Amino acid sequence: MNTKGMVLQISDGPSKDRLFDACKYAYGKNVIEINFRFQQNAENPVGVKNIKITTIQHEDGSGYSLNFSGFMDAKLPERECFLPYRFLAYYDARTRKGYIRLIDN
């Protein structure tokens, strides 16, 4: 399946500090678990787990608009199980909204 360009809209998520902590400890013994809530289509829900943030970048000078990337396991509507994906994301830590774009491995 081609997931390039598949976008998951974030409707709620973690604080800015939690994102940076998750990135800081992404490969440590004490992994920080982070969760996002996504806008879902009731007929075709998407499941996400094991989010690992590997890079974070300030998108502008506000200190709240962030670009980040990493890896996650996602269960897409067309699949029966969770599969690993890379992702790119934009997130506004003030409003806790943004999006995650899946990238084919």
N, C-alpha and C. Protein backbone atom coordinates (compact mmCIF):
# COMPACT_ATOMS: atom_id res chain seq x y z
N MET A 1 0.84 -1.18 0.00
CA MET A 1 0.00 0.00 0.00
C MET A 1 0.88 1.24 0.00
N ASN A 2 0.54 2.23 -0.77
CA ASN A 2 1.27 3.47 -0.82
C ASN A 2 0.68 4.43 0.20
N THR A 3 1.43 4.73 1.26
CA THR A 3 0.95 5.64 2.29
C THR A 3 1.54 7.02 2.12
N LYS A 4 2.40 7.21 1.12
CA LYS A 4 3.04 8.50 0.94
C LYS A 4 1.98 9.57 0.82
N GLY A 5 2.07 10.56 1.67
CA GLY A 5 1.11 11.64 1.65
C GLY A 5 -0.08 11.42 2.57
N MET A 6 -0.24 10.25 3.17
CA MET A 6 -1.36 10.02 4.09
C MET A 6 -1.15 10.91 5.31
N VAL A 7 -2.17 11.69 5.63
CA VAL A 7 -2.06 12.66 6.71
C VAL A 7 -3.05 12.32 7.82
N LEU A 8 -2.56 12.32 9.04
CA LEU A 8 -3.40 12.14 10.23
C LEU A 8 -3.50 13.49 10.93
N GLN A 9 -4.71 14.03 11.06
CA GLN A 9 -4.91 15.33 11.70
C GLN A 9 -4.91 15.16 13.22
N ILE A 10 -4.03 15.86 13.90
CA ILE A 10 -3.94 15.81 15.36
C ILE A 10 -4.98 16.76 15.95
N SER A 11 -5.84 16.24 16.81
CA SER A 11 -6.85 17.07 17.47
C SER A 11 -6.47 17.38 18.91
N ASP A 12 -5.53 16.63 19.47
CA ASP A 12 -5.04 16.88 20.83
C ASP A 12 -3.73 16.12 21.00
N GLY A 13 -2.84 16.67 21.80
CA GLY A 13 -1.55 16.01 21.99
C GLY A 13 -0.82 16.51 23.21
N PRO A 14 0.45 16.12 23.34
CA PRO A 14 1.24 16.43 24.54
C PRO A 14 1.75 17.87 24.57
N SER A 15 2.28 18.25 25.70
CA SER A 15 2.89 19.58 25.85
C SER A 15 4.22 19.62 25.10
N LYS A 16 4.72 20.83 24.91
CA LYS A 16 6.01 21.02 24.25
C LYS A 16 7.12 20.33 25.06
N ASP A 17 7.09 20.48 26.38
CA ASP A 17 8.11 19.85 27.23
C ASP A 17 8.11 18.33 27.09
N ARG A 18 6.93 17.76 27.01
CA ARG A 18 6.82 16.29 26.88
C ARG A 18 7.39 15.84 25.53
N LEU A 19 7.16 16.59 24.46
CA LEU A 19 7.73 16.25 23.15
C LEU A 19 9.25 16.26 23.21
N PHE A 20 9.83 17.31 23.82
CA PHE A 20 11.28 17.38 23.91
C PHE A 20 11.85 16.28 24.79
N ASP A 21 11.16 15.95 25.88
CA ASP A 21 11.60 14.84 26.73
C ASP A 21 11.54 13.52 25.97
N ALA A 22 10.49 13.32 25.18
CA ALA A 22 10.37 12.09 24.39
C ALA A 22 11.50 11.97 23.38
N CYS A 23 11.87 13.08 22.78
CA CYS A 23 12.99 13.07 21.82
C CYS A 23 14.30 12.81 22.55
N LYS A 24 14.49 13.46 23.68
CA LYS A 24 15.73 13.33 24.46
C LYS A 24 15.97 11.89 24.90
N TYR A 25 14.91 11.19 25.27
CA TYR A 25 15.04 9.82 25.77
C TYR A 25 14.57 8.75 24.77
N ALA A 26 14.49 9.09 23.50
CA ALA A 26 13.97 8.17 22.48
C ALA A 26 14.72 6.84 22.46
N TYR A 27 16.01 6.87 22.72
CA TYR A 27 16.80 5.63 22.67
C TYR A 27 17.36 5.25 24.04
N GLY A 28 16.82 5.82 25.09
CA GLY A 28 17.28 5.50 26.43
C GLY A 28 16.50 4.36 27.05
N LYS A 29 16.87 4.01 28.26
CA LYS A 29 16.17 2.94 28.98
C LYS A 29 14.78 3.40 29.41
N ASN A 30 14.66 4.66 29.78
CA ASN A 30 13.39 5.21 30.26
C ASN A 30 12.70 5.98 29.16
N VAL A 31 12.07 5.27 28.24
CA VAL A 31 11.38 5.91 27.11
C VAL A 31 10.15 6.65 27.62
N ILE A 32 9.97 7.88 27.15
CA ILE A 32 8.82 8.69 27.51
C ILE A 32 7.69 8.38 26.52
N GLU A 33 6.58 7.88 27.01
CA GLU A 33 5.45 7.57 26.13
C GLU A 33 4.68 8.84 25.84
N ILE A 34 4.36 9.04 24.56
CA ILE A 34 3.55 10.19 24.17
C ILE A 34 2.35 9.69 23.37
N ASN A 35 1.28 10.43 23.48
CA ASN A 35 0.04 10.05 22.79
C ASN A 35 -0.55 11.25 22.08
N PHE A 36 -1.11 10.99 20.93
CA PHE A 36 -1.84 11.99 20.17
C PHE A 36 -3.25 11.49 19.96
N ARG A 37 -4.19 12.40 19.93
CA ARG A 37 -5.57 12.07 19.56
C ARG A 37 -5.75 12.59 18.13
N PHE A 38 -6.33 11.75 17.27
CA PHE A 38 -6.49 12.10 15.87
C PHE A 38 -7.97 12.25 15.52
N GLN A 39 -8.23 13.12 14.56
CA GLN A 39 -9.57 13.20 14.00
C GLN A 39 -9.77 11.91 13.22
N GLN A 40 -10.83 11.18 13.53
CA GLN A 40 -11.04 9.85 12.96
C GLN A 40 -12.29 9.78 12.11
N ASN A 41 -12.22 8.94 11.12
CA ASN A 41 -13.39 8.55 10.36
C ASN A 41 -13.93 7.32 11.08
N ALA A 42 -15.13 7.38 11.57
CA ALA A 42 -15.70 6.28 12.37
C ALA A 42 -15.70 4.95 11.63
N GLU A 43 -15.85 4.99 10.32
CA GLU A 43 -15.89 3.74 9.54
C GLU A 43 -14.49 3.17 9.29
N ASN A 44 -13.46 4.03 9.31
CA ASN A 44 -12.10 3.59 9.01
C ASN A 44 -11.12 4.16 10.04
N PRO A 45 -11.19 3.68 11.29
CA PRO A 45 -10.29 4.24 12.30
C PRO A 45 -8.83 3.84 12.07
N VAL A 46 -7.94 4.70 12.55
CA VAL A 46 -6.50 4.47 12.47
C VAL A 46 -5.98 4.28 13.88
N GLY A 47 -5.14 3.27 14.10
CA GLY A 47 -4.51 3.04 15.40
C GLY A 47 -3.04 3.41 15.32
N VAL A 48 -2.52 4.04 16.38
CA VAL A 48 -1.12 4.45 16.43
C VAL A 48 -0.56 4.08 17.79
N LYS A 49 0.67 3.55 17.79
CA LYS A 49 1.35 3.24 19.06
C LYS A 49 2.86 3.31 18.85
N ASN A 50 3.60 3.24 19.93
CA ASN A 50 5.07 3.23 19.92
C ASN A 50 5.65 4.40 19.13
N ILE A 51 5.20 5.61 19.43
CA ILE A 51 5.70 6.80 18.75
C ILE A 51 7.08 7.14 19.30
N LYS A 52 8.04 7.28 18.40
CA LYS A 52 9.41 7.63 18.77
C LYS A 52 9.80 8.88 17.99
N ILE A 53 9.99 10.00 18.69
CA ILE A 53 10.39 11.25 18.05
C ILE A 53 11.92 11.30 18.04
N THR A 54 12.49 11.48 16.84
CA THR A 54 13.95 11.48 16.71
C THR A 54 14.52 12.85 16.37
N THR A 55 13.71 13.77 15.86
CA THR A 55 14.17 15.15 15.60
C THR A 55 13.04 16.12 15.89
N ILE A 56 13.42 17.29 16.40
CA ILE A 56 12.47 18.39 16.61
C ILE A 56 13.12 19.66 16.11
N GLN A 57 12.32 20.49 15.45
CA GLN A 57 12.82 21.75 14.89
C GLN A 57 11.76 22.82 15.14
N HIS A 58 12.21 24.03 15.53
CA HIS A 58 11.28 25.15 15.66
C HIS A 58 10.88 25.61 14.27
N GLU A 59 9.58 25.71 14.05
CA GLU A 59 9.06 26.06 12.73
C GLU A 59 9.15 27.57 12.49
N ASP A 60 8.99 28.34 13.55
CA ASP A 60 9.09 29.79 13.44
C ASP A 60 9.69 30.33 14.73
N GLY A 61 9.58 31.60 14.96
CA GLY A 61 10.17 32.19 16.16
C GLY A 61 9.27 32.20 17.38
N SER A 62 8.10 31.58 17.30
CA SER A 62 7.15 31.63 18.41
C SER A 62 7.56 30.73 19.58
N GLY A 63 8.29 29.68 19.29
CA GLY A 63 8.64 28.72 20.34
C GLY A 63 7.59 27.64 20.55
N TYR A 64 6.47 27.75 19.84
CA TYR A 64 5.40 26.77 20.00
C TYR A 64 5.11 25.98 18.73
N SER A 65 5.44 26.52 17.57
CA SER A 65 5.22 25.81 16.31
C SER A 65 6.43 24.93 16.04
N LEU A 66 6.20 23.62 15.96
CA LEU A 66 7.30 22.66 15.86
C LEU A 66 7.12 21.74 14.66
N ASN A 67 8.22 21.41 14.03
CA ASN A 67 8.28 20.32 13.06
C ASN A 67 9.03 19.20 13.75
N PHE A 68 8.56 17.98 13.61
CA PHE A 68 9.32 16.86 14.18
C PHE A 68 9.14 15.64 13.30
N SER A 69 10.00 14.66 13.50
CA SER A 69 9.93 13.44 12.71
C SER A 69 10.32 12.27 13.60
N GLY A 70 10.06 11.07 13.09
CA GLY A 70 10.39 9.88 13.86
C GLY A 70 9.77 8.64 13.26
N PHE A 71 9.46 7.71 14.15
CA PHE A 71 8.93 6.40 13.77
C PHE A 71 7.73 6.07 14.64
N MET A 72 6.81 5.29 14.10
CA MET A 72 5.65 4.83 14.87
C MET A 72 5.11 3.55 14.25
N ASP A 73 4.31 2.85 15.00
CA ASP A 73 3.56 1.72 14.47
C ASP A 73 2.13 2.21 14.24
N ALA A 74 1.60 1.93 13.06
CA ALA A 74 0.24 2.37 12.74
C ALA A 74 -0.56 1.23 12.13
N LYS A 75 -1.82 1.18 12.50
CA LYS A 75 -2.76 0.23 11.90
C LYS A 75 -3.73 1.06 11.07
N LEU A 76 -3.55 0.95 9.76
CA LEU A 76 -4.38 1.70 8.83
C LEU A 76 -5.64 0.92 8.49
N PRO A 77 -6.68 1.58 8.03
CA PRO A 77 -7.94 0.89 7.75
C PRO A 77 -7.80 -0.30 6.80
N GLU A 78 -6.87 -0.24 5.86
CA GLU A 78 -6.71 -1.31 4.88
C GLU A 78 -5.90 -2.49 5.41
N ARG A 79 -5.32 -2.35 6.59
CA ARG A 79 -4.45 -3.38 7.16
C ARG A 79 -5.10 -4.06 8.35
N GLU A 80 -4.64 -5.28 8.63
CA GLU A 80 -5.17 -6.01 9.78
C GLU A 80 -4.27 -5.94 11.00
N CYS A 81 -3.04 -5.40 10.82
CA CYS A 81 -2.11 -5.35 11.94
C CYS A 81 -1.33 -4.03 11.91
N PHE A 82 -0.62 -3.77 13.01
CA PHE A 82 0.23 -2.60 13.09
C PHE A 82 1.50 -2.84 12.28
N LEU A 83 1.93 -1.82 11.53
CA LEU A 83 3.17 -1.87 10.75
C LEU A 83 3.99 -0.63 11.07
N PRO A 84 5.32 -0.73 10.97
CA PRO A 84 6.17 0.43 11.26
C PRO A 84 6.16 1.45 10.11
N TYR A 85 6.16 2.73 10.47
CA TYR A 85 6.21 3.82 9.50
C TYR A 85 7.13 4.91 10.00
N ARG A 86 7.76 5.60 9.07
CA ARG A 86 8.43 6.86 9.38
C ARG A 86 7.37 7.95 9.22
N PHE A 87 7.60 9.09 9.88
CA PHE A 87 6.65 10.19 9.74
C PHE A 87 7.34 11.55 9.84
N LEU A 88 6.69 12.54 9.27
CA LEU A 88 7.04 13.95 9.43
C LEU A 88 5.80 14.61 10.02
N ALA A 89 6.01 15.62 10.87
CA ALA A 89 4.86 16.22 11.53
C ALA A 89 5.04 17.72 11.73
N TYR A 90 3.91 18.39 11.82
CA TYR A 90 3.85 19.78 12.26
C TYR A 90 2.91 19.79 13.47
N TYR A 91 3.28 20.57 14.50
CA TYR A 91 2.49 20.59 15.72
C TYR A 91 2.58 21.97 16.36
N ASP A 92 1.44 22.51 16.75
CA ASP A 92 1.40 23.76 17.50
C ASP A 92 1.16 23.39 18.96
N ALA A 93 2.18 23.55 19.77
CA ALA A 93 2.09 23.13 21.17
C ALA A 93 1.14 24.01 21.99
N ARG A 94 0.83 25.19 21.49
CA ARG A 94 -0.11 26.06 22.20
C ARG A 94 -1.54 25.56 22.03
N THR A 95 -1.92 25.25 20.78
CA THR A 95 -3.29 24.78 20.51
C THR A 95 -3.39 23.25 20.58
N ARG A 96 -2.21 22.59 20.58
CA ARG A 96 -2.11 21.12 20.60
C ARG A 96 -2.81 20.49 19.40
N LYS A 97 -2.64 21.13 18.25
CA LYS A 97 -3.18 20.63 16.99
C LYS A 97 -2.07 20.61 15.95
N GLY A 98 -2.25 19.79 14.94
CA GLY A 98 -1.27 19.71 13.87
C GLY A 98 -1.57 18.51 12.98
N TYR A 99 -0.54 17.96 12.39
CA TYR A 99 -0.73 16.78 11.54
C TYR A 99 0.54 15.93 11.53
N ILE A 100 0.34 14.67 11.21
CA ILE A 100 1.44 13.72 11.01
C ILE A 100 1.27 13.16 9.61
N ARG A 101 2.33 13.22 8.81
CA ARG A 101 2.32 12.69 7.44
C ARG A 101 3.16 11.41 7.43
N LEU A 102 2.53 10.29 7.08
CA LEU A 102 3.24 9.01 7.00
C LEU A 102 4.11 8.96 5.76
N ILE A 103 5.26 8.31 5.90
CA ILE A 103 6.20 8.15 4.80
C ILE A 103 6.45 6.67 4.62
N ASP A 104 6.40 6.20 3.39
CA ASP A 104 6.69 4.79 3.13
C ASP A 104 8.11 4.46 3.54
N ASN A 105 8.29 3.29 4.13
CA ASN A 105 9.64 2.82 4.50
C ASN A 105 10.36 2.30 3.29
